[in-house]
Amino acid sequence: MRDAHGPRREVPVVPSLLDKIADYGITAAVCIADKGYDAGSFYEACEARNVRPVAPLRQTGKVVAGDHLPPSCDHGRWTFAGSDAKRGAAKYRCPSGECSPASVWIKAVGCTPSSLGRRRGGSRSTRDVPPWSVSSDG
């Protein structure tokens, strides 16, 4: 029987489960879970084993506020342009390409770019991104 915390109490078994799968000679590329697994330790356990974690986001205050969304500018919401596991970041581009820089790398923090600020009364833009989390190279 599950308690009020649901599968969050199951998250600690993810590392041993992934290790057991590997012991059987199975190479997992992706670990898909329900939103109860949306926790930093789930993502870390998967990434440490070169397994891509997939879980719906829990409706936390930051998710409800839209902090998990990519940046936007006057041209619209920036589009996903790839990811780099070594950087631990995703690349986003201005939809028109008119912004400077036209693309940015945003480092992942947990499951969402929660370190990205949100201006009072407005949507997040590339101006709000801390300089340590963005790189315009490559």
N, C-alpha and C. Protein backbone atom coordinates (compact mmCIF):
# COMPACT_ATOMS: atom_id res chain seq x y z
N MET A 1 0.84 -1.18 0.00
CA MET A 1 0.00 0.00 0.00
C MET A 1 0.89 1.24 0.00
N ARG A 2 0.52 2.22 -0.82
CA ARG A 2 1.28 3.46 -0.89
C ARG A 2 0.80 4.44 0.14
N ASP A 3 1.74 5.23 0.64
CA ASP A 3 1.34 6.29 1.55
C ASP A 3 1.16 7.58 0.76
N ALA A 4 0.98 8.67 1.45
CA ALA A 4 0.73 9.96 0.79
C ALA A 4 1.90 10.39 -0.08
N HIS A 5 3.08 9.85 0.16
CA HIS A 5 4.26 10.24 -0.61
C HIS A 5 4.38 9.48 -1.92
N GLY A 6 3.60 8.42 -2.12
CA GLY A 6 3.62 7.67 -3.35
C GLY A 6 5.00 7.14 -3.69
N PRO A 7 5.35 7.17 -5.00
CA PRO A 7 6.61 6.57 -5.44
C PRO A 7 7.88 7.31 -5.00
N ARG A 8 7.76 8.49 -4.40
CA ARG A 8 8.98 9.19 -3.95
C ARG A 8 9.80 8.32 -3.03
N ARG A 9 9.15 7.45 -2.29
CA ARG A 9 9.89 6.54 -1.42
C ARG A 9 10.55 5.43 -2.22
N GLU A 10 10.15 5.28 -3.46
CA GLU A 10 10.75 4.27 -4.34
C GLU A 10 11.98 4.80 -5.06
N VAL A 11 12.14 6.13 -5.11
CA VAL A 11 13.27 6.73 -5.82
C VAL A 11 14.61 6.18 -5.35
N PRO A 12 14.84 5.96 -4.05
CA PRO A 12 16.15 5.45 -3.61
C PRO A 12 16.52 4.08 -4.19
N VAL A 13 15.57 3.30 -4.68
CA VAL A 13 15.91 1.99 -5.24
C VAL A 13 16.34 2.07 -6.70
N VAL A 14 16.17 3.23 -7.33
CA VAL A 14 16.51 3.38 -8.75
C VAL A 14 17.97 3.02 -9.03
N PRO A 15 18.95 3.51 -8.26
CA PRO A 15 20.35 3.14 -8.58
C PRO A 15 20.58 1.63 -8.56
N SER A 16 20.08 0.95 -7.54
CA SER A 16 20.31 -0.50 -7.48
C SER A 16 19.55 -1.23 -8.58
N LEU A 17 18.38 -0.73 -8.95
CA LEU A 17 17.62 -1.35 -10.05
C LEU A 17 18.37 -1.21 -11.37
N LEU A 18 18.89 -0.01 -11.63
CA LEU A 18 19.67 0.20 -12.86
C LEU A 18 20.93 -0.66 -12.87
N ASP A 19 21.58 -0.78 -11.71
CA ASP A 19 22.77 -1.62 -11.62
C ASP A 19 22.43 -3.09 -11.86
N LYS A 20 21.32 -3.55 -11.33
CA LYS A 20 20.89 -4.94 -11.50
C LYS A 20 20.59 -5.24 -12.97
N ILE A 21 19.95 -4.29 -13.64
CA ILE A 21 19.68 -4.45 -15.08
C ILE A 21 21.00 -4.61 -15.83
N ALA A 22 21.99 -3.78 -15.49
CA ALA A 22 23.31 -3.87 -16.13
C ALA A 22 23.98 -5.20 -15.82
N ASP A 23 23.81 -5.70 -14.59
CA ASP A 23 24.39 -7.00 -14.21
C ASP A 23 23.87 -8.13 -15.11
N TYR A 24 22.64 -7.99 -15.58
CA TYR A 24 22.05 -8.99 -16.47
C TYR A 24 22.46 -8.79 -17.93
N GLY A 25 23.32 -7.81 -18.17
CA GLY A 25 23.80 -7.57 -19.52
C GLY A 25 22.87 -6.72 -20.37
N ILE A 26 21.92 -6.08 -19.74
CA ILE A 26 20.98 -5.23 -20.48
C ILE A 26 21.48 -3.79 -20.40
N THR A 27 21.60 -3.17 -21.56
CA THR A 27 22.03 -1.77 -21.61
C THR A 27 20.80 -0.90 -21.74
N ALA A 28 20.48 -0.19 -20.70
CA ALA A 28 19.33 0.73 -20.73
C ALA A 28 19.79 2.07 -21.28
N ALA A 29 19.04 2.59 -22.23
CA ALA A 29 19.34 3.90 -22.79
C ALA A 29 18.46 4.97 -22.15
N VAL A 30 17.25 4.58 -21.75
CA VAL A 30 16.27 5.51 -21.21
C VAL A 30 15.58 4.86 -20.02
N CYS A 31 15.27 5.65 -19.00
CA CYS A 31 14.49 5.19 -17.86
C CYS A 31 13.25 6.09 -17.77
N ILE A 32 12.10 5.51 -18.08
CA ILE A 32 10.85 6.27 -18.08
C ILE A 32 10.11 5.97 -16.78
N ALA A 33 9.67 7.02 -16.11
CA ALA A 33 9.00 6.87 -14.82
C ALA A 33 7.83 7.84 -14.72
N ASP A 34 6.98 7.65 -13.72
CA ASP A 34 5.87 8.58 -13.53
C ASP A 34 6.34 9.80 -12.76
N LYS A 35 5.47 10.80 -12.59
CA LYS A 35 5.89 12.08 -12.01
C LYS A 35 6.34 11.98 -10.55
N GLY A 36 6.03 10.89 -9.88
CA GLY A 36 6.52 10.71 -8.53
C GLY A 36 8.04 10.60 -8.47
N TYR A 37 8.66 10.28 -9.60
CA TYR A 37 10.12 10.15 -9.66
C TYR A 37 10.79 11.46 -10.05
N ASP A 38 10.05 12.53 -10.21
CA ASP A 38 10.62 13.82 -10.56
C ASP A 38 11.37 14.37 -9.35
N ALA A 39 12.57 13.84 -9.14
CA ALA A 39 13.42 14.23 -8.02
C ALA A 39 14.86 14.20 -8.49
N GLY A 40 15.66 15.09 -7.91
CA GLY A 40 17.06 15.19 -8.32
C GLY A 40 17.81 13.88 -8.24
N SER A 41 17.56 13.08 -7.21
CA SER A 41 18.29 11.82 -7.06
C SER A 41 17.96 10.83 -8.18
N PHE A 42 16.73 10.87 -8.70
CA PHE A 42 16.36 10.01 -9.84
C PHE A 42 17.17 10.40 -11.07
N TYR A 43 17.20 11.70 -11.37
CA TYR A 43 17.93 12.18 -12.54
C TYR A 43 19.42 11.91 -12.40
N GLU A 44 19.97 12.14 -11.22
CA GLU A 44 21.40 11.92 -10.98
C GLU A 44 21.76 10.45 -11.13
N ALA A 45 20.93 9.54 -10.58
CA ALA A 45 21.21 8.11 -10.66
C ALA A 45 21.22 7.65 -12.11
N CYS A 46 20.27 8.15 -12.88
CA CYS A 46 20.22 7.77 -14.30
C CYS A 46 21.42 8.32 -15.07
N GLU A 47 21.67 9.61 -14.93
CA GLU A 47 22.77 10.24 -15.67
C GLU A 47 24.12 9.64 -15.30
N ALA A 48 24.31 9.26 -14.05
CA ALA A 48 25.58 8.66 -13.61
C ALA A 48 25.82 7.32 -14.31
N ARG A 49 24.76 6.71 -14.82
CA ARG A 49 24.87 5.41 -15.50
C ARG A 49 24.65 5.55 -17.01
N ASN A 50 24.74 6.78 -17.50
CA ASN A 50 24.56 7.08 -18.92
C ASN A 50 23.19 6.64 -19.43
N VAL A 51 22.19 6.77 -18.58
CA VAL A 51 20.80 6.46 -18.91
C VAL A 51 20.04 7.79 -18.89
N ARG A 52 19.27 8.06 -19.94
CA ARG A 52 18.52 9.30 -19.99
C ARG A 52 17.22 9.16 -19.21
N PRO A 53 17.02 9.98 -18.18
CA PRO A 53 15.80 9.92 -17.38
C PRO A 53 14.65 10.67 -18.04
N VAL A 54 13.45 10.10 -17.96
CA VAL A 54 12.26 10.75 -18.48
C VAL A 54 11.16 10.62 -17.43
N ALA A 55 10.68 11.75 -16.94
CA ALA A 55 9.59 11.76 -15.97
C ALA A 55 8.82 13.06 -16.12
N PRO A 56 7.50 13.00 -16.07
CA PRO A 56 6.73 14.25 -16.13
C PRO A 56 7.06 15.11 -14.91
N LEU A 57 7.00 16.40 -15.09
CA LEU A 57 7.30 17.31 -13.99
C LEU A 57 6.13 17.38 -13.02
N ARG A 58 6.46 17.36 -11.73
CA ARG A 58 5.43 17.60 -10.72
C ARG A 58 5.03 19.07 -10.80
N GLN A 59 3.83 19.37 -10.46
CA GLN A 59 3.32 20.74 -10.54
C GLN A 59 3.76 21.57 -9.33
N THR A 60 5.06 21.81 -9.27
CA THR A 60 5.61 22.64 -8.20
C THR A 60 5.33 24.10 -8.52
N GLY A 61 5.59 24.97 -7.58
CA GLY A 61 5.39 26.40 -7.81
C GLY A 61 6.16 26.92 -9.00
N LYS A 62 7.41 26.45 -9.15
CA LYS A 62 8.24 26.91 -10.26
C LYS A 62 7.71 26.41 -11.61
N VAL A 63 7.20 25.18 -11.63
CA VAL A 63 6.63 24.65 -12.88
C VAL A 63 5.35 25.41 -13.22
N VAL A 64 4.50 25.63 -12.24
CA VAL A 64 3.27 26.38 -12.47
C VAL A 64 3.60 27.79 -12.97
N ALA A 65 4.66 28.39 -12.44
CA ALA A 65 5.07 29.74 -12.85
C ALA A 65 5.73 29.75 -14.23
N GLY A 66 6.08 28.58 -14.76
CA GLY A 66 6.68 28.50 -16.09
C GLY A 66 8.20 28.55 -16.10
N ASP A 67 8.84 28.42 -14.94
CA ASP A 67 10.30 28.50 -14.88
C ASP A 67 11.00 27.35 -15.60
N HIS A 68 10.26 26.31 -15.97
CA HIS A 68 10.86 25.18 -16.67
C HIS A 68 10.88 25.40 -18.18
N LEU A 69 10.24 26.45 -18.64
CA LEU A 69 10.16 26.72 -20.07
C LEU A 69 11.44 27.36 -20.60
N PRO A 70 11.71 27.21 -21.90
CA PRO A 70 12.90 27.86 -22.46
C PRO A 70 12.75 29.37 -22.45
N PRO A 71 13.86 30.09 -22.66
CA PRO A 71 13.79 31.55 -22.68
C PRO A 71 12.90 32.05 -23.81
N SER A 72 12.55 33.32 -23.73
CA SER A 72 11.79 33.95 -24.81
C SER A 72 12.35 35.35 -25.03
N CYS A 73 12.01 35.91 -26.17
CA CYS A 73 12.43 37.27 -26.51
C CYS A 73 11.26 37.94 -27.23
N ASP A 74 11.49 39.09 -27.82
CA ASP A 74 10.43 39.77 -28.55
C ASP A 74 9.97 38.97 -29.76
N HIS A 75 10.78 38.02 -30.21
CA HIS A 75 10.44 37.22 -31.39
C HIS A 75 9.66 35.96 -31.04
N GLY A 76 9.53 35.66 -29.75
CA GLY A 76 8.77 34.49 -29.32
C GLY A 76 9.59 33.57 -28.42
N ARG A 77 9.06 32.40 -28.16
CA ARG A 77 9.71 31.39 -27.32
C ARG A 77 10.87 30.78 -28.10
N TRP A 78 12.03 30.68 -27.47
CA TRP A 78 13.19 30.12 -28.12
C TRP A 78 12.99 28.63 -28.36
N THR A 79 13.59 28.10 -29.42
CA THR A 79 13.40 26.71 -29.80
C THR A 79 14.61 25.87 -29.40
N PHE A 80 14.34 24.62 -29.08
CA PHE A 80 15.39 23.67 -28.71
C PHE A 80 16.26 23.42 -29.93
N ALA A 81 17.58 23.45 -29.75
CA ALA A 81 18.51 23.29 -30.86
C ALA A 81 19.56 22.23 -30.57
N GLY A 82 19.32 21.37 -29.59
CA GLY A 82 20.25 20.28 -29.30
C GLY A 82 20.70 20.29 -27.85
N SER A 83 21.43 19.24 -27.51
CA SER A 83 21.95 19.14 -26.14
C SER A 83 23.35 18.56 -26.19
N ASP A 84 24.07 18.77 -25.13
CA ASP A 84 25.44 18.27 -25.02
C ASP A 84 25.62 17.71 -23.62
N ALA A 85 25.75 16.38 -23.52
CA ALA A 85 25.87 15.73 -22.21
C ALA A 85 27.14 16.18 -21.48
N LYS A 86 28.23 16.43 -22.22
CA LYS A 86 29.46 16.87 -21.56
C LYS A 86 29.28 18.24 -20.91
N ARG A 87 28.54 19.10 -21.55
CA ARG A 87 28.26 20.42 -20.99
C ARG A 87 27.17 20.34 -19.93
N GLY A 88 26.34 19.30 -20.01
CA GLY A 88 25.18 19.21 -19.14
C GLY A 88 24.22 20.35 -19.45
N ALA A 89 24.07 20.63 -20.75
CA ALA A 89 23.30 21.79 -21.15
C ALA A 89 22.50 21.53 -22.41
N ALA A 90 21.48 22.34 -22.60
CA ALA A 90 20.68 22.31 -23.81
C ALA A 90 20.87 23.63 -24.55
N LYS A 91 20.82 23.56 -25.87
CA LYS A 91 21.00 24.77 -26.67
C LYS A 91 19.63 25.24 -27.16
N TYR A 92 19.40 26.54 -27.05
CA TYR A 92 18.16 27.15 -27.52
C TYR A 92 18.51 28.28 -28.47
N ARG A 93 17.63 28.48 -29.47
CA ARG A 93 17.84 29.53 -30.48
C ARG A 93 16.65 30.48 -30.52
N CYS A 94 16.97 31.73 -30.80
CA CYS A 94 15.93 32.74 -31.07
C CYS A 94 15.15 32.26 -32.29
N PRO A 95 13.82 32.31 -32.27
CA PRO A 95 13.05 31.80 -33.41
C PRO A 95 13.33 32.54 -34.72
N SER A 96 13.73 33.80 -34.65
CA SER A 96 14.02 34.53 -35.89
C SER A 96 15.50 34.58 -36.19
N GLY A 97 16.35 34.31 -35.18
CA GLY A 97 17.79 34.40 -35.35
C GLY A 97 18.30 35.83 -35.30
N GLU A 98 17.43 36.76 -34.97
CA GLU A 98 17.81 38.18 -34.96
C GLU A 98 18.46 38.62 -33.66
N CYS A 99 18.31 37.86 -32.58
CA CYS A 99 18.88 38.25 -31.29
C CYS A 99 20.39 38.02 -31.28
N SER A 100 21.06 38.73 -30.41
CA SER A 100 22.50 38.53 -30.26
C SER A 100 22.78 38.22 -28.79
N PRO A 101 23.29 37.07 -28.47
CA PRO A 101 23.59 35.97 -29.39
C PRO A 101 22.30 35.31 -29.88
N ALA A 102 22.39 34.68 -31.04
CA ALA A 102 21.22 34.03 -31.63
C ALA A 102 20.91 32.70 -30.96
N SER A 103 21.88 32.15 -30.23
CA SER A 103 21.64 30.90 -29.51
C SER A 103 22.41 30.92 -28.19
N VAL A 104 21.93 30.14 -27.22
CA VAL A 104 22.57 30.05 -25.92
C VAL A 104 22.54 28.61 -25.42
N TRP A 105 23.54 28.27 -24.63
CA TRP A 105 23.57 26.99 -23.92
C TRP A 105 23.07 27.25 -22.51
N ILE A 106 22.11 26.47 -22.05
CA ILE A 106 21.59 26.62 -20.70
C ILE A 106 21.86 25.33 -19.94
N LYS A 107 22.65 25.46 -18.88
CA LYS A 107 22.99 24.29 -18.07
C LYS A 107 21.76 23.77 -17.34
N ALA A 108 21.65 22.45 -17.28
CA ALA A 108 20.56 21.82 -16.56
C ALA A 108 20.84 21.90 -15.06
N VAL A 109 19.82 22.20 -14.31
CA VAL A 109 19.90 22.21 -12.86
C VAL A 109 18.77 21.32 -12.39
N GLY A 110 19.10 20.13 -11.93
CA GLY A 110 18.04 19.17 -11.61
C GLY A 110 17.31 18.80 -12.87
N CYS A 111 16.01 18.78 -12.80
CA CYS A 111 15.23 18.42 -13.97
C CYS A 111 14.79 19.63 -14.76
N THR A 112 14.94 20.81 -14.20
CA THR A 112 14.52 22.03 -14.88
C THR A 112 15.59 23.09 -14.68
N PRO A 113 15.63 24.05 -15.58
CA PRO A 113 16.59 25.14 -15.38
C PRO A 113 16.09 26.08 -14.30
N SER A 114 15.97 25.57 -13.08
CA SER A 114 15.37 26.34 -11.99
C SER A 114 16.22 27.51 -11.55
N SER A 115 17.48 27.50 -11.93
CA SER A 115 18.31 28.64 -11.56
C SER A 115 17.99 29.86 -12.41
N LEU A 116 17.22 29.66 -13.47
CA LEU A 116 16.89 30.78 -14.32
C LEU A 116 15.85 31.63 -13.63
N GLY A 117 16.15 32.88 -13.50
CA GLY A 117 15.26 33.78 -12.78
C GLY A 117 13.99 34.10 -13.54
N ARG A 118 13.06 34.70 -12.87
CA ARG A 118 11.81 35.12 -13.47
C ARG A 118 11.57 36.55 -13.01
N ARG A 119 11.49 37.46 -13.95
CA ARG A 119 11.23 38.85 -13.59
C ARG A 119 9.81 39.00 -13.08
N ARG A 120 9.64 39.84 -12.14
CA ARG A 120 8.31 40.12 -11.61
C ARG A 120 7.43 40.66 -12.72
N GLY A 121 6.31 40.00 -12.96
CA GLY A 121 5.34 40.48 -13.95
C GLY A 121 5.69 40.18 -15.39
N GLY A 122 6.74 39.43 -15.65
CA GLY A 122 7.10 39.16 -17.04
C GLY A 122 7.62 37.75 -17.21
N SER A 123 7.82 37.35 -18.44
CA SER A 123 8.35 36.02 -18.69
C SER A 123 9.87 36.07 -18.67
N ARG A 124 10.45 34.91 -18.46
CA ARG A 124 11.91 34.83 -18.41
C ARG A 124 12.46 35.13 -19.80
N SER A 125 13.53 35.83 -19.87
CA SER A 125 14.19 36.10 -21.13
C SER A 125 15.66 35.80 -20.97
N THR A 126 16.41 35.84 -22.06
CA THR A 126 17.83 35.55 -21.99
C THR A 126 18.56 36.57 -21.13
N ARG A 127 17.99 37.76 -20.94
CA ARG A 127 18.63 38.76 -20.08
C ARG A 127 18.60 38.33 -18.62
N ASP A 128 17.65 37.44 -18.26
CA ASP A 128 17.49 37.01 -16.87
C ASP A 128 18.37 35.82 -16.51
N VAL A 129 19.06 35.26 -17.49
CA VAL A 129 19.82 34.04 -17.25
C VAL A 129 21.15 34.40 -16.59
N PRO A 130 21.48 33.76 -15.49
CA PRO A 130 22.77 34.04 -14.84
C PRO A 130 23.92 33.75 -15.80
N PRO A 131 24.94 34.59 -15.85
CA PRO A 131 26.03 34.40 -16.81
C PRO A 131 26.76 33.08 -16.65
N TRP A 132 26.77 32.48 -15.45
CA TRP A 132 27.46 31.20 -15.25
C TRP A 132 26.70 30.05 -15.85
N SER A 133 25.43 30.25 -16.26
CA SER A 133 24.65 29.13 -16.79
C SER A 133 24.47 29.19 -18.29
N VAL A 134 25.00 30.23 -18.93
CA VAL A 134 24.79 30.39 -20.36
C VAL A 134 26.12 30.55 -21.06
N SER A 135 26.21 29.92 -22.20
CA SER A 135 27.38 30.09 -23.05
C SER A 135 26.88 30.31 -24.47
N SER A 136 27.37 31.30 -25.16
CA SER A 136 26.92 31.54 -26.52
C SER A 136 27.85 30.92 -27.55
N ASP A 137 28.84 30.16 -27.09
CA ASP A 137 29.75 29.53 -28.04
C ASP A 137 29.12 28.28 -28.64
N GLY A 138 29.58 27.94 -29.85
CA GLY A 138 29.21 26.70 -30.50
C GLY A 138 27.80 26.49 -30.63
